[in-house]
Amino acid sequence: MFTITVVSTKGGVGKTTLAANLGGLLRDIGLRVLLIDADVQPSLTRYYALEHEAPHGLTQLIRSGVLSPDCISHCQLPPASYDGKLDKMPQSLGGVLHLVRSDTRDGKLQDWMSSRMALDMLMRLNMPLKHPSVTTAYDVVLIDTQGAIGHLQDAAVNAADQLLVPVSPDIVSAREFLDGTISLLDRHECTANVGMKMPPMKAVLTRTEKTKDCNLISDLVREQFIEMRGRVSMLSTVVPAAVAYRKAATSQVPVHWVDPVKQSDVMHKLLWELIPSVAGMCASNHPDFID
């Protein structure tokens, strides 16, 4: 099982869009996927319709330290309200898309976590996701996080095998990304003293347009590679500011259902960069799919 945490110290950069669309694509290439909404603003929880809504969610997962069936909701694809073109809808290849809902808006979970010892708090997602009942049930776990440093983000970072960091295509946001990333590295560097490792970080430009800023930002990240301890690398795939992403969210489906050519190609390339072991695997509505 491979765990990716989508993380940023800045909100509004497209974390949920990436988590939802990567999860949907992984499901459509035949993998068993668990989405975890660890954001106090439950955007990922609302992205997909649910055919089964579990009575519990993130709060019980964190507080109990166990991922029990009553925390796992099942996403519905296609949703009952789907009115898209059926010929664009990929065929089922046996994949699964489940979700642990965010239910933390009242702040009680964060307060509870702040009262725990630091090491215990850091392990609150790591330990349940390492249990054999979870590692045998899922191939990939995707964790969406809040756009700020906090206990939930710390636990999500510590649970990851890889961090995916979206960056907006403007210089101000890029500088905020650099400052936030360095702060995050500083915050988690001490975990090495207790045998933990900071996961590698992959940065991806999101909501891009055809401007010079994209190249400037890529250069800026590469120039700061040493200052970021050599832990952050820039992915070559960029995610454009395309209308298809908004249409997909409105329809509660992955973007490769709405645009099986251009944006499907973008998401496939991004997935293959993130998880090289699935390179070449496609959803059935992708032009390169071979039955």
C-alpha atoms as a PDB file:
ATOM      1  CA  MET A   1       0.000   0.000   0.000  1.00  0.00           C
ATOM      2  CA  PHE A   2       1.230   3.491  -0.897  1.00  0.00           C
ATOM      3  CA  THR A   3       0.110   6.632   0.951  1.00  0.00           C
ATOM      4  CA  ILE A   4       0.183  10.116  -0.584  1.00  0.00           C
ATOM      5  CA  THR A   5      -0.620  13.195   1.481  1.00  0.00           C
ATOM      6  CA  VAL A   6      -1.583  16.338  -0.431  1.00  0.00           C
ATOM      7  CA  VAL A   7      -0.206  19.173   1.652  1.00  0.00           C
ATOM      8  CA  SER A   8       0.250  22.932   1.573  1.00  0.00           C
ATOM      9  CA  THR A   9       0.539  25.627   4.200  1.00  0.00           C
ATOM     10  CA  LYS A  10      -1.598  27.825   1.937  1.00  0.00           C
ATOM     11  CA  GLY A  11      -5.258  27.318   1.145  1.00  0.00           C
ATOM     12  CA  GLY A  12      -6.889  27.570  -2.256  1.00  0.00           C
ATOM     13  CA  VAL A  13      -4.111  25.953  -4.287  1.00  0.00           C
ATOM     14  CA  GLY A  14      -6.050  22.913  -5.512  1.00  0.00           C
ATOM     15  CA  LYS A  15      -5.311  20.211  -2.936  1.00  0.00           C
ATOM     16  CA  THR A  16      -8.820  18.762  -2.971  1.00  0.00           C
ATOM     17  CA  THR A  17      -9.009  18.862  -6.779  1.00  0.00           C
ATOM     18  CA  LEU A  18      -5.822  16.803  -6.995  1.00  0.00           C
ATOM     19  CA  ALA A  19      -6.828  14.318  -4.287  1.00  0.00           C
ATOM     20  CA  ALA A  20     -10.308  13.744  -5.728  1.00  0.00           C
ATOM     21  CA  ASN A  21      -9.196  13.378  -9.347  1.00  0.00           C
ATOM     22  CA  LEU A  22      -6.189  11.189  -8.607  1.00  0.00           C
ATOM     23  CA  GLY A  23      -8.384   8.989  -6.413  1.00  0.00           C
ATOM     24  CA  GLY A  24     -11.022   8.671  -9.111  1.00  0.00           C
ATOM     25  CA  LEU A  25      -8.423   7.857 -11.754  1.00  0.00           C
ATOM     26  CA  LEU A  26      -6.726   5.242  -9.581  1.00  0.00           C
ATOM     27  CA  ARG A  27     -10.109   3.637  -9.028  1.00  0.00           C
ATOM     28  CA  ASP A  28     -10.771   3.603 -12.770  1.00  0.00           C
ATOM     29  CA  ILE A  29      -7.482   1.884 -13.595  1.00  0.00           C
ATOM     30  CA  GLY A  30      -8.566  -0.909 -11.257  1.00  0.00           C
ATOM     31  CA  LEU A  31      -6.950  -0.069  -7.908  1.00  0.00           C
ATOM     32  CA  ARG A  32      -8.483  -0.049  -4.428  1.00  0.00           C
ATOM     33  CA  VAL A  33      -8.352   3.526  -3.142  1.00  0.00           C
ATOM     34  CA  LEU A  34      -9.071   5.121   0.234  1.00  0.00           C
ATOM     35  CA  LEU A  35      -9.558   8.890   0.440  1.00  0.00           C
ATOM     36  CA  ILE A  36      -9.102  10.514   3.854  1.00  0.00           C
ATOM     37  CA  ASP A  37     -10.425  14.036   4.340  1.00  0.00           C
ATOM     38  CA  ALA A  38      -8.196  15.508   7.060  1.00  0.00           C
ATOM     39  CA  ASP A  39      -9.223  19.096   6.317  1.00  0.00           C
ATOM     40  CA  VAL A  40     -11.432  21.033   8.737  1.00  0.00           C
ATOM     41  CA  GLN A  41     -13.175  22.400   5.622  1.00  0.00           C
ATOM     42  CA  PRO A  42     -14.646  19.122   4.287  1.00  0.00           C
ATOM     43  CA  SER A  43     -14.277  19.773   0.562  1.00  0.00           C
ATOM     44  CA  LEU A  44     -13.134  16.245  -0.304  1.00  0.00           C
ATOM     45  CA  THR A  45     -16.017  14.819   1.726  1.00  0.00           C
ATOM     46  CA  ARG A  46     -18.427  16.713  -0.510  1.00  0.00           C
ATOM     47  CA  TYR A  47     -16.732  16.001  -3.833  1.00  0.00           C
ATOM     48  CA  TYR A  48     -18.224  12.567  -4.527  1.00  0.00           C
ATOM     49  CA  ALA A  49     -21.753  11.322  -3.932  1.00  0.00           C
ATOM     50  CA  LEU A  50     -21.941   8.441  -1.458  1.00  0.00           C
ATOM     51  CA  GLU A  51     -23.744   5.159  -1.987  1.00  0.00           C
ATOM     52  CA  HIS A  52     -22.982   4.254   1.640  1.00  0.00           C
ATOM     53  CA  GLU A  53     -22.399   6.927   4.290  1.00  0.00           C
ATOM     54  CA  ALA A  54     -20.662   5.533   7.355  1.00  0.00           C
ATOM     55  CA  PRO A  55     -21.918   6.748  10.751  1.00  0.00           C
ATOM     56  CA  HIS A  56     -18.454   7.926  11.744  1.00  0.00           C
ATOM     57  CA  GLY A  57     -15.413   9.453  10.091  1.00  0.00           C
ATOM     58  CA  LEU A  58     -12.104  11.155  10.832  1.00  0.00           C
ATOM     59  CA  THR A  59     -12.803  11.907  14.507  1.00  0.00           C
ATOM     60  CA  GLN A  60     -13.325   8.267  15.440  1.00  0.00           C
ATOM     61  CA  LEU A  61     -10.358   7.182  13.303  1.00  0.00           C
ATOM     62  CA  ILE A  62      -8.022   9.638  15.051  1.00  0.00           C
ATOM     63  CA  ARG A  63      -9.326   9.169  18.584  1.00  0.00           C
ATOM     64  CA  SER A  64      -9.560   5.373  18.479  1.00  0.00           C
ATOM     65  CA  GLY A  65      -6.403   4.800  16.460  1.00  0.00           C
ATOM     66  CA  VAL A  66      -8.294   2.174  14.439  1.00  0.00           C
ATOM     67  CA  LEU A  67      -9.757   2.344  10.933  1.00  0.00           C
ATOM     68  CA  SER A  68     -12.968   0.422  11.552  1.00  0.00           C
ATOM     69  CA  PRO A  69     -15.672  -0.259   8.929  1.00  0.00           C
ATOM     70  CA  ASP A  70     -18.017   2.254  10.575  1.00  0.00           C
ATOM     71  CA  CYS A  71     -15.594   5.034   9.547  1.00  0.00           C
ATOM     72  CA  ILE A  72     -15.500   4.069   5.858  1.00  0.00           C
ATOM     73  CA  SER A  73     -18.019   5.532   3.421  1.00  0.00           C
ATOM     74  CA  HIS A  74     -18.345   4.270  -0.175  1.00  0.00           C
ATOM     75  CA  CYS A  75     -18.251   6.719  -3.095  1.00  0.00           C
ATOM     76  CA  GLN A  76     -20.859   6.378  -5.833  1.00  0.00           C
ATOM     77  CA  LEU A  77     -19.627   6.434  -9.435  1.00  0.00           C
ATOM     78  CA  PRO A  78     -21.519   7.393 -11.423  1.00  0.00           C
ATOM     79  CA  PRO A  79     -23.713   9.399  -9.038  1.00  0.00           C
ATOM     80  CA  ALA A  80     -27.465   8.990  -9.383  1.00  0.00           C
ATOM     81  CA  SER A  81     -27.715  12.528 -10.748  1.00  0.00           C
ATOM     82  CA  TYR A  82     -25.083  12.031 -13.453  1.00  0.00           C
ATOM     83  CA  ASP A  83     -26.256  13.307 -16.833  1.00  0.00           C
ATOM     84  CA  GLY A  84     -22.973  13.148 -18.734  1.00  0.00           C
ATOM     85  CA  LYS A  85     -22.400  11.284 -21.961  1.00  0.00           C
ATOM     86  CA  LEU A  86     -22.334   7.566 -21.286  1.00  0.00           C
ATOM     87  CA  ASP A  87     -19.789   6.943 -24.047  1.00  0.00           C
ATOM     88  CA  LYS A  88     -17.269   9.054 -22.087  1.00  0.00           C
ATOM     89  CA  MET A  89     -17.751   7.065 -18.892  1.00  0.00           C
ATOM     90  CA  PRO A  90     -14.983   4.505 -18.318  1.00  0.00           C
ATOM     91  CA  GLN A  91     -15.814   0.854 -17.855  1.00  0.00           C
ATOM     92  CA  SER A  92     -15.352  -0.675 -14.418  1.00  0.00           C
ATOM     93  CA  LEU A  93     -12.014  -2.442 -14.054  1.00  0.00           C
ATOM     94  CA  GLY A  94     -12.732  -3.634 -10.520  1.00  0.00           C
ATOM     95  CA  GLY A  95     -11.412  -0.599  -8.642  1.00  0.00           C
ATOM     96  CA  VAL A  96     -12.766   0.681  -5.329  1.00  0.00           C
ATOM     97  CA  LEU A  97     -13.133   4.258  -4.033  1.00  0.00           C
ATOM     98  CA  HIS A  98     -13.810   4.645  -0.311  1.00  0.00           C
ATOM     99  CA  LEU A  99     -13.752   7.724   1.916  1.00  0.00           C
ATOM    100  CA  VAL A 100     -13.156   8.670   5.537  1.00  0.00           C
ATOM    101  CA  ARG A 101     -15.289  11.793   5.969  1.00  0.00           C
ATOM    102  CA  SER A 102     -14.141  14.968   7.693  1.00  0.00           C
ATOM    103  CA  ASP A 103     -16.290  15.763  10.721  1.00  0.00           C
ATOM    104  CA  THR A 104     -14.033  18.197  12.582  1.00  0.00           C
ATOM    105  CA  ARG A 105     -15.481  21.655  11.926  1.00  0.00           C
ATOM    106  CA  ASP A 106     -16.380  22.275  15.578  1.00  0.00           C
ATOM    107  CA  GLY A 107     -12.695  22.204  16.558  1.00  0.00           C
ATOM    108  CA  LYS A 108     -13.119  19.463  19.177  1.00  0.00           C
ATOM    109  CA  LEU A 109     -10.793  17.022  17.415  1.00  0.00           C
ATOM    110  CA  GLN A 110      -8.027  19.609  17.149  1.00  0.00           C
ATOM    111  CA  ASP A 111      -8.450  20.454  20.835  1.00  0.00           C
ATOM    112  CA  TRP A 112      -8.257  16.770  21.717  1.00  0.00           C
ATOM    113  CA  MET A 113      -5.100  16.302  19.646  1.00  0.00           C
ATOM    114  CA  SER A 114      -3.437  19.330  21.221  1.00  0.00           C
ATOM    115  CA  SER A 115      -3.791  17.662  24.634  1.00  0.00           C
ATOM    116  CA  ARG A 116      -1.874  14.557  23.537  1.00  0.00           C
ATOM    117  CA  MET A 117       1.846  13.978  23.800  1.00  0.00           C
ATOM    118  CA  ALA A 118       3.651  14.956  20.572  1.00  0.00           C
ATOM    119  CA  LEU A 119       4.707  11.432  19.545  1.00  0.00           C
ATOM    120  CA  ASP A 120       1.245   9.985  20.176  1.00  0.00           C
ATOM    121  CA  MET A 121      -0.364  12.776  18.149  1.00  0.00           C
ATOM    122  CA  LEU A 122       2.005  12.201  15.226  1.00  0.00           C
ATOM    123  CA  MET A 123       1.148   8.498  15.078  1.00  0.00           C
ATOM    124  CA  ARG A 124      -2.640   8.933  15.075  1.00  0.00           C
ATOM    125  CA  LEU A 125      -2.913   8.285  11.323  1.00  0.00           C
ATOM    126  CA  ASN A 126       0.301   6.383  10.773  1.00  0.00           C
ATOM    127  CA  MET A 127      -0.490   3.452  13.047  1.00  0.00           C
ATOM    128  CA  PRO A 128      -4.040   2.626  11.858  1.00  0.00           C
ATOM    129  CA  LEU A 129      -2.967   2.872   8.210  1.00  0.00           C
ATOM    130  CA  LYS A 130      -0.120   0.416   8.827  1.00  0.00           C
ATOM    131  CA  HIS A 131      -2.452  -2.223  10.254  1.00  0.00           C
ATOM    132  CA  PRO A 132      -2.667  -5.364   8.057  1.00  0.00           C
ATOM    133  CA  SER A 133      -6.458  -5.004   7.777  1.00  0.00           C
ATOM    134  CA  VAL A 134      -5.868  -1.721   5.937  1.00  0.00           C
ATOM    135  CA  THR A 135      -2.728  -2.552   3.946  1.00  0.00           C
ATOM    136  CA  THR A 136      -4.396  -5.652   2.510  1.00  0.00           C
ATOM    137  CA  ALA A 137      -7.663  -3.853   1.718  1.00  0.00           C
ATOM    138  CA  TYR A 138      -6.245  -0.887  -0.232  1.00  0.00           C
ATOM    139  CA  ASP A 139      -3.561  -0.235  -2.819  1.00  0.00           C
ATOM    140  CA  VAL A 140      -3.368   3.565  -2.416  1.00  0.00           C
ATOM    141  CA  VAL A 141      -4.405   5.993   0.328  1.00  0.00           C
ATOM    142  CA  LEU A 142      -4.797   9.696  -0.517  1.00  0.00           C
ATOM    143  CA  ILE A 143      -4.996  12.189   2.359  1.00  0.00           C
ATOM    144  CA  ASP A 144      -6.274  15.729   1.847  1.00  0.00           C
ATOM    145  CA  THR A 145      -5.142  18.254   4.477  1.00  0.00           C
ATOM    146  CA  GLN A 146      -5.906  21.703   5.781  1.00  0.00           C
ATOM    147  CA  GLY A 147      -4.120  24.681   4.243  1.00  0.00           C
ATOM    148  CA  ALA A 148      -2.270  25.532   7.434  1.00  0.00           C
ATOM    149  CA  ILE A 149       0.218  23.974   9.814  1.00  0.00           C
ATOM    150  CA  GLY A 150      -1.526  22.124  12.635  1.00  0.00           C
ATOM    151  CA  HIS A 151      -1.901  18.797  14.405  1.00  0.00           C
ATOM    152  CA  LEU A 152      -3.997  17.182  11.681  1.00  0.00           C
ATOM    153  CA  GLN A 153      -1.509  18.199   9.022  1.00  0.00           C
ATOM    154  CA  ASP A 154       1.378  16.892  11.141  1.00  0.00           C
ATOM    155  CA  ALA A 155      -0.322  13.508  11.568  1.00  0.00           C
ATOM    156  CA  ALA A 156      -1.091  13.338   7.824  1.00  0.00           C
ATOM    157  CA  VAL A 157       2.506  14.172   6.894  1.00  0.00           C
ATOM    158  CA  ASN A 158       3.821  11.505   9.250  1.00  0.00           C
ATOM    159  CA  ALA A 159       1.504   8.892   7.708  1.00  0.00           C
ATOM    160  CA  ALA A 160       2.688   9.518   4.133  1.00  0.00           C
ATOM    161  CA  ASP A 161       5.111   7.669   1.900  1.00  0.00           C
ATOM    162  CA  GLN A 162       5.135  10.741  -0.363  1.00  0.00           C
ATOM    163  CA  LEU A 163       3.936  14.332  -0.134  1.00  0.00           C
ATOM    164  CA  LEU A 164       2.298  16.089  -3.074  1.00  0.00           C
ATOM    165  CA  VAL A 165       2.525  19.880  -2.840  1.00  0.00           C
ATOM    166  CA  PRO A 166       0.431  22.001  -5.238  1.00  0.00           C
ATOM    167  CA  VAL A 167       1.823  25.431  -6.138  1.00  0.00           C
ATOM    168  CA  SER A 168      -0.137  28.292  -7.681  1.00  0.00           C
ATOM    169  CA  PRO A 169       1.433  29.849 -10.808  1.00  0.00           C
ATOM    170  CA  ASP A 170       2.337  33.273  -9.459  1.00  0.00           C
ATOM    171  CA  ILE A 171       5.488  34.544  -7.802  1.00  0.00           C
ATOM    172  CA  VAL A 172       3.813  35.594  -4.531  1.00  0.00           C
ATOM    173  CA  SER A 173       2.296  32.127  -4.089  1.00  0.00           C
ATOM    174  CA  ALA A 174       5.601  30.510  -5.034  1.00  0.00           C
ATOM    175  CA  ARG A 175       7.432  32.449  -2.331  1.00  0.00           C
ATOM    176  CA  GLU A 176       4.740  31.491   0.176  1.00  0.00           C
ATOM    177  CA  PHE A 177       5.201  27.886  -0.942  1.00  0.00           C
ATOM    178  CA  LEU A 178       8.949  28.091  -0.345  1.00  0.00           C
ATOM    179  CA  ASP A 179       8.571  29.709   3.089  1.00  0.00           C
ATOM    180  CA  GLY A 180       5.828  27.274   4.095  1.00  0.00           C
ATOM    181  CA  THR A 181       7.759  24.251   2.872  1.00  0.00           C
ATOM    182  CA  ILE A 182      10.880  25.249   4.780  1.00  0.00           C
ATOM    183  CA  SER A 183       8.768  25.821   7.922  1.00  0.00           C
ATOM    184  CA  LEU A 184       7.209  22.381   7.452  1.00  0.00           C
ATOM    185  CA  LEU A 185      10.631  20.777   7.078  1.00  0.00           C
ATOM    186  CA  ASP A 186      11.864  22.565  10.206  1.00  0.00           C
ATOM    187  CA  ARG A 187       8.782  21.427  12.117  1.00  0.00           C
ATOM    188  CA  HIS A 188       9.230  17.762  11.202  1.00  0.00           C
ATOM    189  CA  GLU A 189      13.034  17.571  11.286  1.00  0.00           C
ATOM    190  CA  CYS A 190      12.964  16.683  14.988  1.00  0.00           C
ATOM    191  CA  THR A 191      11.063  13.458  14.247  1.00  0.00           C
ATOM    192  CA  ALA A 192      14.334  11.989  12.963  1.00  0.00           C
ATOM    193  CA  ASN A 193      15.387  11.786  16.610  1.00  0.00           C
ATOM    194  CA  VAL A 194      12.717   9.137  17.224  1.00  0.00           C
ATOM    195  CA  GLY A 195      13.350   7.147  14.056  1.00  0.00           C
ATOM    196  CA  MET A 196      10.841   8.817  11.727  1.00  0.00           C
ATOM    197  CA  LYS A 197      11.617  10.200   8.292  1.00  0.00           C
ATOM    198  CA  MET A 198      10.212  13.186   6.440  1.00  0.00           C
ATOM    199  CA  PRO A 199       8.656  11.805   3.227  1.00  0.00           C
ATOM    200  CA  PRO A 200       9.956  13.068  -0.133  1.00  0.00           C
ATOM    201  CA  MET A 201       8.004  16.042  -1.497  1.00  0.00           C
ATOM    202  CA  LYS A 202       6.827  16.415  -5.091  1.00  0.00           C
ATOM    203  CA  ALA A 203       5.690  19.896  -6.114  1.00  0.00           C
ATOM    204  CA  VAL A 204       3.221  20.374  -8.953  1.00  0.00           C
ATOM    205  CA  LEU A 205       2.112  23.579 -10.621  1.00  0.00           C
ATOM    206  CA  THR A 206      -1.684  23.848 -10.601  1.00  0.00           C
ATOM    207  CA  ARG A 207      -4.229  26.131 -12.244  1.00  0.00           C
ATOM    208  CA  THR A 208      -1.615  27.222 -14.746  1.00  0.00           C
ATOM    209  CA  GLU A 209      -2.094  29.536 -17.680  1.00  0.00           C
ATOM    210  CA  LYS A 210       0.180  30.287 -20.602  1.00  0.00           C
ATOM    211  CA  THR A 211       2.380  32.826 -18.852  1.00  0.00           C
ATOM    212  CA  LYS A 212       6.061  33.271 -18.156  1.00  0.00           C
ATOM    213  CA  ASP A 213       5.406  32.867 -14.427  1.00  0.00           C
ATOM    214  CA  CYS A 214       5.261  29.075 -14.716  1.00  0.00           C
ATOM    215  CA  ASN A 215       8.867  28.878 -15.896  1.00  0.00           C
ATOM    216  CA  LEU A 216       9.944  31.449 -13.316  1.00  0.00           C
ATOM    217  CA  ILE A 217       8.375  29.455 -10.501  1.00  0.00           C
ATOM    218  CA  SER A 218       9.939  26.182 -11.651  1.00  0.00           C
ATOM    219  CA  ASP A 219      13.328  27.901 -11.731  1.00  0.00           C
ATOM    220  CA  LEU A 220      12.721  29.402  -8.277  1.00  0.00           C
ATOM    221  CA  VAL A 221      11.948  26.001  -6.756  1.00  0.00           C
ATOM    222  CA  ARG A 222      15.016  24.448  -8.333  1.00  0.00           C
ATOM    223  CA  GLU A 223      17.220  27.301  -7.094  1.00  0.00           C
ATOM    224  CA  GLN A 224      16.042  26.668  -3.523  1.00  0.00           C
ATOM    225  CA  PHE A 225      16.617  22.908  -3.761  1.00  0.00           C
ATOM    226  CA  ILE A 226      19.533  22.935  -1.298  1.00  0.00           C
ATOM    227  CA  GLU A 227      17.775  25.203   1.186  1.00  0.00           C
ATOM    228  CA  MET A 228      14.878  22.731   1.149  1.00  0.00           C
ATOM    229  CA  ARG A 229      17.310  19.955   2.139  1.00  0.00           C
ATOM    230  CA  GLY A 230      17.087  18.375  -1.295  1.00  0.00           C
ATOM    231  CA  ARG A 231      13.688  16.946  -0.350  1.00  0.00           C
ATOM    232  CA  VAL A 232      11.509  18.834  -2.833  1.00  0.00           C
ATOM    233  CA  SER A 233      11.472  18.137  -6.555  1.00  0.00           C
ATOM    234  CA  MET A 234       9.313  19.707  -9.250  1.00  0.00           C
ATOM    235  CA  LEU A 235       7.128  17.446 -11.347  1.00  0.00           C
ATOM    236  CA  SER A 236       7.179  18.043 -15.077  1.00  0.00           C
ATOM    237  CA  THR A 237       3.390  17.676 -15.405  1.00  0.00           C
ATOM    238  CA  VAL A 238       1.420  20.891 -14.862  1.00  0.00           C
ATOM    239  CA  VAL A 239      -2.301  21.068 -14.155  1.00  0.00           C
ATOM    240  CA  PRO A 240      -3.987  23.831 -16.174  1.00  0.00           C
ATOM    241  CA  ALA A 241      -6.799  26.154 -15.146  1.00  0.00           C
ATOM    242  CA  ALA A 242      -9.329  24.290 -17.289  1.00  0.00           C
ATOM    243  CA  VAL A 243     -13.118  24.567 -17.071  1.00  0.00           C
ATOM    244  CA  ALA A 244     -13.317  20.765 -17.106  1.00  0.00           C
ATOM    245  CA  TYR A 245     -12.221  20.585 -13.454  1.00  0.00           C
ATOM    246  CA  ARG A 246     -15.123  22.776 -12.336  1.00  0.00           C
ATOM    247  CA  LYS A 247     -17.558  20.795 -14.484  1.00  0.00           C
ATOM    248  CA  ALA A 248     -16.277  17.543 -13.022  1.00  0.00           C
ATOM    249  CA  ALA A 249     -16.687  18.786  -9.442  1.00  0.00           C
ATOM    250  CA  THR A 250     -20.222  19.959 -10.193  1.00  0.00           C
ATOM    251  CA  SER A 251     -21.087  16.541 -11.656  1.00  0.00           C
ATOM    252  CA  GLN A 252     -19.288  14.729  -8.789  1.00  0.00           C
ATOM    253  CA  VAL A 253     -17.082  12.717 -11.133  1.00  0.00           C
ATOM    254  CA  PRO A 254     -13.349  12.675 -11.935  1.00  0.00           C
ATOM    255  CA  VAL A 255     -12.184  15.086 -14.618  1.00  0.00           C
ATOM    256  CA  HIS A 256     -11.195  12.277 -16.997  1.00  0.00           C
ATOM    257  CA  TRP A 257     -14.925  11.474 -17.295  1.00  0.00           C
ATOM    258  CA  VAL A 258     -15.698  15.030 -18.427  1.00  0.00           C
ATOM    259  CA  ASP A 259     -12.659  15.474 -20.668  1.00  0.00           C
ATOM    260  CA  PRO A 260     -11.311  12.048 -21.707  1.00  0.00           C
ATOM    261  CA  VAL A 261      -8.675  13.602 -23.963  1.00  0.00           C
ATOM    262  CA  LYS A 262      -6.781  16.684 -22.770  1.00  0.00           C
ATOM    263  CA  GLN A 263      -7.365  16.701 -19.013  1.00  0.00           C
ATOM    264  CA  SER A 264      -7.459  12.929 -18.851  1.00  0.00           C
ATOM    265  CA  ASP A 265      -3.991  12.957 -20.393  1.00  0.00           C
ATOM    266  CA  VAL A 266      -2.815  15.508 -17.803  1.00  0.00           C
ATOM    267  CA  MET A 267      -4.064  13.428 -14.874  1.00  0.00           C
ATOM    268  CA  HIS A 268      -2.632  10.191 -16.278  1.00  0.00           C
ATOM    269  CA  LYS A 269       0.790  11.799 -16.737  1.00  0.00           C
ATOM    270  CA  LEU A 270       0.670  13.254 -13.224  1.00  0.00           C
ATOM    271  CA  LEU A 271      -0.276   9.882 -11.763  1.00  0.00           C
ATOM    272  CA  TRP A 272       2.492   8.098 -13.651  1.00  0.00           C
ATOM    273  CA  GLU A 273       5.058  10.597 -12.341  1.00  0.00           C
ATOM    274  CA  LEU A 274       3.827  10.203  -8.779  1.00  0.00           C
ATOM    275  CA  ILE A 275       3.591   6.401  -8.821  1.00  0.00           C
ATOM    276  CA  PRO A 276       5.930   5.000 -11.497  1.00  0.00           C
ATOM    277  CA  SER A 277       4.732   1.448 -10.789  1.00  0.00           C
ATOM    278  CA  VAL A 278       1.378   2.270 -12.468  1.00  0.00           C
ATOM    279  CA  ALA A 279       2.954   3.972 -15.506  1.00  0.00           C
ATOM    280  CA  GLY A 280       1.110   2.921 -18.649  1.00  0.00           C
ATOM    281  CA  MET A 281      -2.045   1.864 -16.794  1.00  0.00           C
ATOM    282  CA  CYS A 282      -5.071   3.758 -18.144  1.00  0.00           C
ATOM    283  CA  ALA A 283      -8.745   4.279 -17.514  1.00  0.00           C
ATOM    284  CA  SER A 284     -10.753   2.474 -20.202  1.00  0.00           C
ATOM    285  CA  ASN A 285     -11.892   5.757 -21.817  1.00  0.00           C
ATOM    286  CA  HIS A 286      -8.301   6.973 -22.342  1.00  0.00           C
ATOM    287  CA  PRO A 287      -7.034   6.843 -25.955  1.00  0.00           C
ATOM    288  CA  ASP A 288      -4.064   4.678 -24.937  1.00  0.00           C
ATOM    289  CA  PHE A 289      -6.159   2.047 -23.160  1.00  0.00           C
ATOM    290  CA  ILE A 290      -5.534  -1.505 -24.390  1.00  0.00           C
ATOM    291  CA  ASP A 291      -8.073  -4.135 -23.391  1.00  0.00           C
END
